[in-house]
C-alpha atoms as a PDB file:
ATOM      1  CA  UNK A   1      -0.210  -0.328  -0.250  1.00  0.00           C
ATOM      2  CA  UNK A   2       1.491   3.922  -1.020  1.00  0.00           C
ATOM      3  CA  UNK A   3       0.349   6.879   0.317  1.00  0.00           C
ATOM      4  CA  UNK A   4       0.276  10.887   0.075  1.00  0.00           C
ATOM      5  CA  UNK A   5       0.185  12.890   2.775  1.00  0.00           C
ATOM      6  CA  UNK A   6       0.220  17.154   2.897  1.00  0.00           C
ATOM      7  CA  UNK A   7       1.472  18.150   6.347  1.00  0.00           C
ATOM      8  CA  UNK A   8       1.442  14.679   7.998  1.00  0.00           C
ATOM      9  CA  UNK A   9      -2.341  14.069   7.262  1.00  0.00           C
ATOM     10  CA  UNK A  10      -2.531  11.035   4.563  1.00  0.00           C
ATOM     11  CA  UNK A  11      -4.870  12.222   1.414  1.00  0.00           C
ATOM     12  CA  UNK A  12      -5.184   8.680  -0.292  1.00  0.00           C
ATOM     13  CA  UNK A  13      -3.699   5.287   0.377  1.00  0.00           C
ATOM     14  CA  UNK A  14      -3.616   3.457  -2.493  1.00  0.00           C
ATOM     15  CA  UNK A  15      -3.369  -0.530  -3.479  1.00  0.00           C
ATOM     16  CA  UNK A  16      -1.750  -2.095  -6.312  1.00  0.00           C
ATOM     17  CA  UNK A  17      -2.470  -5.439  -7.742  1.00  0.00           C
ATOM     18  CA  UNK A  18      -0.186  -8.307  -8.959  1.00  0.00           C
ATOM     19  CA  UNK A  19       0.303  -6.260 -12.468  1.00  0.00           C
ATOM     20  CA  UNK A  20       1.190  -3.219 -10.752  1.00  0.00           C
ATOM     21  CA  UNK A  21      -2.396  -1.562 -11.325  1.00  0.00           C
ATOM     22  CA  UNK A  22      -3.964   0.565  -8.684  1.00  0.00           C
ATOM     23  CA  UNK A  23      -6.307  -1.747  -7.362  1.00  0.00           C
ATOM     24  CA  UNK A  24      -8.087   0.580  -4.652  1.00  0.00           C
ATOM     25  CA  UNK A  25      -7.762   4.247  -3.815  1.00  0.00           C
ATOM     26  CA  UNK A  26      -8.682   5.180  -0.197  1.00  0.00           C
ATOM     27  CA  UNK A  27      -9.514   8.879   0.381  1.00  0.00           C
ATOM     28  CA  UNK A  28      -9.119   9.333   3.776  1.00  0.00           C
ATOM     29  CA  UNK A  29     -10.612  13.232   4.289  1.00  0.00           C
ATOM     30  CA  UNK A  30     -13.964  12.023   2.271  1.00  0.00           C
ATOM     31  CA  UNK A  31     -14.340   8.571   3.173  1.00  0.00           C
ATOM     32  CA  UNK A  32     -14.735   7.010   0.161  1.00  0.00           C
ATOM     33  CA  UNK A  33     -13.282   3.669  -1.362  1.00  0.00           C
ATOM     34  CA  UNK A  34     -12.962   3.740  -4.760  1.00  0.00           C
ATOM     35  CA  UNK A  35     -11.715   0.325  -6.913  1.00  0.00           C
ATOM     36  CA  UNK A  36     -10.714   0.234 -10.457  1.00  0.00           C
ATOM     37  CA  UNK A  37     -11.981  -2.158 -13.325  1.00  0.00           C
ATOM     38  CA  UNK A  38      -9.735  -3.294 -15.599  1.00  0.00           C
ATOM     39  CA  UNK A  39      -9.513  -5.170 -19.536  1.00  0.00           C
ATOM     40  CA  UNK A  40      -7.358  -8.009 -20.336  1.00  0.00           C
ATOM     41  CA  UNK A  41      -4.777  -5.592 -21.882  1.00  0.00           C
ATOM     42  CA  UNK A  42      -4.983  -3.622 -18.685  1.00  0.00           C
ATOM     43  CA  UNK A  43      -6.976  -0.469 -19.801  1.00  0.00           C
ATOM     44  CA  UNK A  44      -8.968   1.282 -16.398  1.00  0.00           C
ATOM     45  CA  UNK A  45     -12.787   1.032 -17.506  1.00  0.00           C
ATOM     46  CA  UNK A  46     -14.409   1.096 -14.766  1.00  0.00           C
ATOM     47  CA  UNK A  47     -14.448   2.755 -11.443  1.00  0.00           C
ATOM     48  CA  UNK A  48     -16.654   2.268  -8.960  1.00  0.00           C
ATOM     49  CA  UNK A  49     -17.212   3.383  -5.009  1.00  0.00           C
ATOM     50  CA  UNK A  50     -19.093   0.988  -2.865  1.00  0.00           C
ATOM     51  CA  UNK A  51     -21.641   2.600  -0.018  1.00  0.00           C
ATOM     52  CA  UNK A  52     -20.596   0.642   3.140  1.00  0.00           C
ATOM     53  CA  UNK A  53     -24.176   1.698   4.901  1.00  0.00           C
ATOM     54  CA  UNK A  54     -26.630   0.522   2.152  1.00  0.00           C
ATOM     55  CA  UNK A  55     -24.195  -1.962   0.625  1.00  0.00           C
ATOM     56  CA  UNK A  56     -24.649  -0.814  -3.743  1.00  0.00           C
ATOM     57  CA  UNK A  57     -22.308   0.266  -6.450  1.00  0.00           C
ATOM     58  CA  UNK A  58     -22.414   3.633  -7.802  1.00  0.00           C
ATOM     59  CA  UNK A  59     -20.486   3.562 -11.440  1.00  0.00           C
ATOM     60  CA  UNK A  60     -18.477   6.479 -11.677  1.00  0.00           C
END
């Protein structure tokens, strides 16, 4: 996991898959988790967010 901070405050955390692609982005200040979807050639084709309260996903 990698992270990005401003003045020591973490703004985002990033998880990468086996092929080195970013698969999850957590925006810590907004309390959002964004998942990335890739096609077989490695192109990012979608991003979606899951609402923990309702267990629904939203295509971004």
